[in-house]
Amino acid sequence: MNRGFTLLELLITITVLAILLSVAAPNFNTVNNSVKMQRLATELNGFLIQAKSEAVLRNSNLWVHISFPKTEENKTGSWNLALRDSDNISGNLIAYMGGNNFNKTTLQHNYDSQKINFEGIRGRPARGTFIFYPNNDMTKKLKIILSNPPGRIKVCYDNTSGELYGYNSCS
């Protein structure tokens, strides 16, 4: 009684595995983009909520300094946000968020001064937005909206209807 695979059985098995892998590889990339976008939404939202809470806790104005200008679409992950106790970049660093883990994701904002002020009494942020999406798909945009009043920070899908990555549309 022979044990093991024959050459023909081995070739058939390898062919079937190659076909399965070629079908699964594009799905893995989609899942990877989805997880990266969800993580960026969660981390950026959490950082902004932390800034709001710190401003109230300290009972003083705080500023989030953004490392790139409003006109730039940062596609490389070479950005950072720094929560400081001064509107000057040399103020004391309270919290930091870097974009190194979010390469291949585009991030933009609409703050002219490259900083967000959080009021010390109620923690209300300066009004503005962050928009981010995978570099290869502009249709999958998420948006973080900072509104003043009422000082709300909201994550939503930048579309008129539907849902994306578990976030409802902004409208």
C-alpha atoms as a PDB file:
ATOM      1  CA  MET A   1       0.000   0.000   0.000  1.00  0.00           C
ATOM      2  CA  ASN A   2       1.478   3.345  -1.125  1.00  0.00           C
ATOM      3  CA  ARG A   3       1.384   6.257   1.250  1.00  0.00           C
ATOM      4  CA  GLY A   4       1.570   9.973   0.384  1.00  0.00           C
ATOM      5  CA  PHE A   5       0.700  12.035  -2.651  1.00  0.00           C
ATOM      6  CA  THR A   6       1.422  11.179  -6.235  1.00  0.00           C
ATOM      7  CA  LEU A   7       2.872  13.901  -8.427  1.00  0.00           C
ATOM      8  CA  LEU A   8      -0.501  14.402 -10.132  1.00  0.00           C
ATOM      9  CA  GLU A   9      -2.329  14.790  -6.794  1.00  0.00           C
ATOM     10  CA  LEU A  10       0.284  17.285  -5.625  1.00  0.00           C
ATOM     11  CA  LEU A  11      -0.065  19.389  -8.804  1.00  0.00           C
ATOM     12  CA  ILE A  12      -3.868  19.409  -8.498  1.00  0.00           C
ATOM     13  CA  THR A  13      -3.660  20.450  -4.830  1.00  0.00           C
ATOM     14  CA  ILE A  14      -1.202  23.265  -5.595  1.00  0.00           C
ATOM     15  CA  THR A  15      -3.383  24.486  -8.484  1.00  0.00           C
ATOM     16  CA  VAL A  16      -6.506  24.567  -6.302  1.00  0.00           C
ATOM     17  CA  LEU A  17      -4.613  26.433  -3.551  1.00  0.00           C
ATOM     18  CA  ALA A  18      -3.257  28.965  -6.071  1.00  0.00           C
ATOM     19  CA  ILE A  19      -6.767  29.650  -7.371  1.00  0.00           C
ATOM     20  CA  LEU A  20      -8.130  30.082  -3.841  1.00  0.00           C
ATOM     21  CA  LEU A  21      -5.303  32.465  -2.910  1.00  0.00           C
ATOM     22  CA  SER A  22      -5.786  34.563  -6.052  1.00  0.00           C
ATOM     23  CA  VAL A  23      -9.465  34.990  -5.142  1.00  0.00           C
ATOM     24  CA  ALA A  24      -8.756  35.733  -1.458  1.00  0.00           C
ATOM     25  CA  ALA A  25      -5.925  38.279  -1.961  1.00  0.00           C
ATOM     26  CA  PRO A  26      -8.107  41.178  -3.230  1.00  0.00           C
ATOM     27  CA  ASN A  27     -10.570  40.580  -0.384  1.00  0.00           C
ATOM     28  CA  PHE A  28      -7.735  40.807   2.140  1.00  0.00           C
ATOM     29  CA  ASN A  29      -6.759  44.235   0.780  1.00  0.00           C
ATOM     30  CA  THR A  30     -10.363  45.440   1.114  1.00  0.00           C
ATOM     31  CA  VAL A  31     -10.570  44.165   4.690  1.00  0.00           C
ATOM     32  CA  ASN A  32      -7.219  45.790   5.505  1.00  0.00           C
ATOM     33  CA  ASN A  33      -8.421  49.184   4.167  1.00  0.00           C
ATOM     34  CA  SER A  34     -11.662  48.855   6.108  1.00  0.00           C
ATOM     35  CA  VAL A  35      -9.882  48.104   9.387  1.00  0.00           C
ATOM     36  CA  LYS A  36      -7.396  50.951   8.831  1.00  0.00           C
ATOM     37  CA  MET A  37     -10.210  53.451   8.162  1.00  0.00           C
ATOM     38  CA  GLN A  38     -12.180  52.329  11.222  1.00  0.00           C
ATOM     39  CA  ARG A  39      -9.059  52.573  13.368  1.00  0.00           C
ATOM     40  CA  LEU A  40      -8.231  56.072  12.081  1.00  0.00           C
ATOM     41  CA  ALA A  41     -11.810  57.227  12.737  1.00  0.00           C
ATOM     42  CA  THR A  42     -11.729  55.817  16.258  1.00  0.00           C
ATOM     43  CA  GLU A  43      -8.270  57.160  17.138  1.00  0.00           C
ATOM     44  CA  LEU A  44      -8.807  60.630  15.669  1.00  0.00           C
ATOM     45  CA  ASN A  45     -12.235  60.945  17.301  1.00  0.00           C
ATOM     46  CA  GLY A  46     -10.781  59.747  20.609  1.00  0.00           C
ATOM     47  CA  PHE A  47      -7.905  62.229  20.396  1.00  0.00           C
ATOM     48  CA  LEU A  48     -10.310  65.122  19.815  1.00  0.00           C
ATOM     49  CA  ILE A  49     -12.578  64.001  22.658  1.00  0.00           C
ATOM     50  CA  GLN A  50      -9.514  63.754  24.901  1.00  0.00           C
ATOM     51  CA  ALA A  51      -8.572  67.330  23.943  1.00  0.00           C
ATOM     52  CA  LYS A  52     -12.080  68.496  24.821  1.00  0.00           C
ATOM     53  CA  SER A  53     -11.998  66.684  28.174  1.00  0.00           C
ATOM     54  CA  GLU A  54      -8.518  67.979  29.044  1.00  0.00           C
ATOM     55  CA  ALA A  55      -9.613  71.566  28.366  1.00  0.00           C
ATOM     56  CA  VAL A  56     -12.535  71.192  30.790  1.00  0.00           C
ATOM     57  CA  LEU A  57     -10.424  69.339  33.368  1.00  0.00           C
ATOM     58  CA  ARG A  58      -7.709  72.013  33.331  1.00  0.00           C
ATOM     59  CA  ASN A  59     -10.273  74.828  33.049  1.00  0.00           C
ATOM     60  CA  SER A  60      -8.094  76.493  30.420  1.00  0.00           C
ATOM     61  CA  ASN A  61      -7.995  76.791  26.652  1.00  0.00           C
ATOM     62  CA  LEU A  62      -6.027  74.106  24.811  1.00  0.00           C
ATOM     63  CA  TRP A  63      -4.975  73.869  21.169  1.00  0.00           C
ATOM     64  CA  VAL A  64      -4.525  70.944  18.800  1.00  0.00           C
ATOM     65  CA  HIS A  65      -1.734  71.849  16.358  1.00  0.00           C
ATOM     66  CA  ILE A  66      -1.988  70.214  12.915  1.00  0.00           C
ATOM     67  CA  SER A  67       1.317  69.558  11.131  1.00  0.00           C
ATOM     68  CA  PHE A  68       0.148  70.241   7.558  1.00  0.00           C
ATOM     69  CA  PRO A  69      -1.735  73.131   5.902  1.00  0.00           C
ATOM     70  CA  LYS A  70      -5.395  73.235   4.956  1.00  0.00           C
ATOM     71  CA  THR A  71      -4.613  73.162   1.229  1.00  0.00           C
ATOM     72  CA  GLU A  72      -2.612  69.914   1.434  1.00  0.00           C
ATOM     73  CA  GLU A  73      -4.004  66.405   1.072  1.00  0.00           C
ATOM     74  CA  ASN A  74      -1.651  64.323   3.198  1.00  0.00           C
ATOM     75  CA  LYS A  75      -1.436  60.880   1.555  1.00  0.00           C
ATOM     76  CA  THR A  76       1.695  59.463   3.184  1.00  0.00           C
ATOM     77  CA  GLY A  77       0.873  59.324   6.883  1.00  0.00           C
ATOM     78  CA  SER A  78       3.560  61.925   7.600  1.00  0.00           C
ATOM     79  CA  TRP A  79       1.231  64.075   9.701  1.00  0.00           C
ATOM     80  CA  ASN A  80       0.760  64.587  13.414  1.00  0.00           C
ATOM     81  CA  LEU A  81      -1.564  66.293  15.867  1.00  0.00           C
ATOM     82  CA  ALA A  82      -0.190  67.793  19.070  1.00  0.00           C
ATOM     83  CA  LEU A  83      -2.388  68.908  21.967  1.00  0.00           C
ATOM     84  CA  ARG A  84      -0.668  71.852  23.670  1.00  0.00           C
ATOM     85  CA  ASP A  85      -1.504  74.359  26.385  1.00  0.00           C
ATOM     86  CA  SER A  86      -0.644  77.309  24.128  1.00  0.00           C
ATOM     87  CA  ASP A  87      -1.604  78.528  20.675  1.00  0.00           C
ATOM     88  CA  ASN A  88       2.147  78.604  20.050  1.00  0.00           C
ATOM     89  CA  ILE A  89       3.726  75.353  18.850  1.00  0.00           C
ATOM     90  CA  SER A  90       6.331  75.652  21.622  1.00  0.00           C
ATOM     91  CA  GLY A  91       3.702  75.211  24.376  1.00  0.00           C
ATOM     92  CA  ASN A  92       3.740  72.204  26.715  1.00  0.00           C
ATOM     93  CA  LEU A  93       2.826  68.946  24.965  1.00  0.00           C
ATOM     94  CA  ILE A  94      -0.159  67.219  26.585  1.00  0.00           C
ATOM     95  CA  ALA A  95      -1.026  64.544  24.005  1.00  0.00           C
ATOM     96  CA  TYR A  96       0.254  63.474  20.588  1.00  0.00           C
ATOM     97  CA  MET A  97      -1.150  61.502  17.655  1.00  0.00           C
ATOM     98  CA  GLY A  98       1.010  60.523  14.690  1.00  0.00           C
ATOM     99  CA  GLY A  99      -0.102  59.359  11.269  1.00  0.00           C
ATOM    100  CA  ASN A 100       2.688  56.837  10.627  1.00  0.00           C
ATOM    101  CA  ASN A 101       0.304  53.886  10.967  1.00  0.00           C
ATOM    102  CA  PHE A 102      -2.093  55.395   8.432  1.00  0.00           C
ATOM    103  CA  ASN A 103      -0.016  55.544   5.258  1.00  0.00           C
ATOM    104  CA  LYS A 104      -2.006  55.005   2.050  1.00  0.00           C
ATOM    105  CA  THR A 105      -4.801  57.018   3.663  1.00  0.00           C
ATOM    106  CA  THR A 106      -5.488  60.628   2.680  1.00  0.00           C
ATOM    107  CA  LEU A 107      -6.221  63.128   5.459  1.00  0.00           C
ATOM    108  CA  GLN A 108      -7.389  66.730   4.964  1.00  0.00           C
ATOM    109  CA  HIS A 109      -8.738  69.457   7.236  1.00  0.00           C
ATOM    110  CA  ASN A 110     -10.246  72.928   6.832  1.00  0.00           C
ATOM    111  CA  TYR A 111      -8.540  74.881   9.630  1.00  0.00           C
ATOM    112  CA  ASP A 112      -6.859  78.022   8.233  1.00  0.00           C
ATOM    113  CA  SER A 113      -4.540  78.463  11.204  1.00  0.00           C
ATOM    114  CA  GLN A 114      -3.550  74.761  11.407  1.00  0.00           C
ATOM    115  CA  LYS A 115      -4.824  74.621  14.976  1.00  0.00           C
ATOM    116  CA  ILE A 116      -8.052  73.889  16.817  1.00  0.00           C
ATOM    117  CA  ASN A 117      -8.941  75.814  19.955  1.00  0.00           C
ATOM    118  CA  PHE A 118     -10.820  74.004  22.737  1.00  0.00           C
ATOM    119  CA  GLU A 119     -12.521  76.344  25.242  1.00  0.00           C
ATOM    120  CA  GLY A 120     -11.553  75.787  28.849  1.00  0.00           C
ATOM    121  CA  ILE A 121     -15.007  76.116  30.410  1.00  0.00           C
ATOM    122  CA  ARG A 122     -17.172  73.888  28.221  1.00  0.00           C
ATOM    123  CA  GLY A 123     -14.539  72.277  26.020  1.00  0.00           C
ATOM    124  CA  ARG A 124     -16.168  73.536  22.842  1.00  0.00           C
ATOM    125  CA  PRO A 125     -13.877  73.085  19.831  1.00  0.00           C
ATOM    126  CA  ALA A 126     -13.426  75.566  16.998  1.00  0.00           C
ATOM    127  CA  ARG A 127     -15.751  74.641  14.134  1.00  0.00           C
ATOM    128  CA  GLY A 128     -14.225  72.564  11.335  1.00  0.00           C
ATOM    129  CA  THR A 129     -13.823  69.156   9.703  1.00  0.00           C
ATOM    130  CA  PHE A 130     -11.362  66.380   9.010  1.00  0.00           C
ATOM    131  CA  ILE A 131     -11.932  64.210   5.923  1.00  0.00           C
ATOM    132  CA  PHE A 132     -10.087  60.957   5.294  1.00  0.00           C
ATOM    133  CA  TYR A 133     -10.261  58.096   2.787  1.00  0.00           C
ATOM    134  CA  PRO A 134      -8.113  55.319   1.283  1.00  0.00           C
ATOM    135  CA  ASN A 135      -5.713  56.745  -1.328  1.00  0.00           C
ATOM    136  CA  ASN A 136      -7.111  54.419  -3.987  1.00  0.00           C
ATOM    137  CA  ASP A 137     -10.833  55.163  -3.401  1.00  0.00           C
ATOM    138  CA  MET A 138     -12.144  58.720  -2.970  1.00  0.00           C
ATOM    139  CA  THR A 139     -15.732  57.447  -2.770  1.00  0.00           C
ATOM    140  CA  LYS A 140     -15.155  55.988   0.714  1.00  0.00           C
ATOM    141  CA  LYS A 141     -14.720  59.234   2.634  1.00  0.00           C
ATOM    142  CA  LEU A 142     -15.287  59.531   6.355  1.00  0.00           C
ATOM    143  CA  LYS A 143     -15.662  62.918   7.995  1.00  0.00           C
ATOM    144  CA  ILE A 144     -15.179  64.145  11.546  1.00  0.00           C
ATOM    145  CA  ILE A 145     -17.241  67.259  12.198  1.00  0.00           C
ATOM    146  CA  LEU A 146     -16.449  69.564  15.109  1.00  0.00           C
ATOM    147  CA  SER A 147     -19.378  71.911  15.708  1.00  0.00           C
ATOM    148  CA  ASN A 148     -19.607  74.992  17.906  1.00  0.00           C
ATOM    149  CA  PRO A 149     -22.137  75.389  19.372  1.00  0.00           C
ATOM    150  CA  PRO A 150     -22.945  72.794  20.776  1.00  0.00           C
ATOM    151  CA  GLY A 151     -19.370  71.505  20.938  1.00  0.00           C
ATOM    152  CA  ARG A 152     -20.198  68.134  19.437  1.00  0.00           C
ATOM    153  CA  ILE A 153     -17.631  65.894  17.712  1.00  0.00           C
ATOM    154  CA  LYS A 154     -19.234  63.525  15.189  1.00  0.00           C
ATOM    155  CA  VAL A 155     -17.871  60.834  12.852  1.00  0.00           C
ATOM    156  CA  CYS A 156     -19.928  60.172   9.722  1.00  0.00           C
ATOM    157  CA  TYR A 157     -19.860  58.885   6.136  1.00  0.00           C
ATOM    158  CA  ASP A 158     -19.342  61.829   3.752  1.00  0.00           C
ATOM    159  CA  ASN A 159     -22.347  61.053   1.559  1.00  0.00           C
ATOM    160  CA  THR A 160     -26.022  61.980   1.379  1.00  0.00           C
ATOM    161  CA  SER A 161     -27.268  58.529   2.353  1.00  0.00           C
ATOM    162  CA  GLY A 162     -26.113  55.089   3.360  1.00  0.00           C
ATOM    163  CA  GLU A 163     -23.525  53.703   5.727  1.00  0.00           C
ATOM    164  CA  LEU A 164     -19.793  53.050   5.500  1.00  0.00           C
ATOM    165  CA  TYR A 165     -17.499  51.259   7.960  1.00  0.00           C
ATOM    166  CA  GLY A 166     -20.359  51.306  10.475  1.00  0.00           C
ATOM    167  CA  TYR A 167     -20.854  55.098  10.289  1.00  0.00           C
ATOM    168  CA  ASN A 168     -24.099  56.691   9.037  1.00  0.00           C
ATOM    169  CA  SER A 169     -24.174  59.429   6.406  1.00  0.00           C
ATOM    170  CA  CYS A 170     -23.527  63.007   7.492  1.00  0.00           C
ATOM    171  CA  SER A 171     -26.891  64.326   6.286  1.00  0.00           C
END
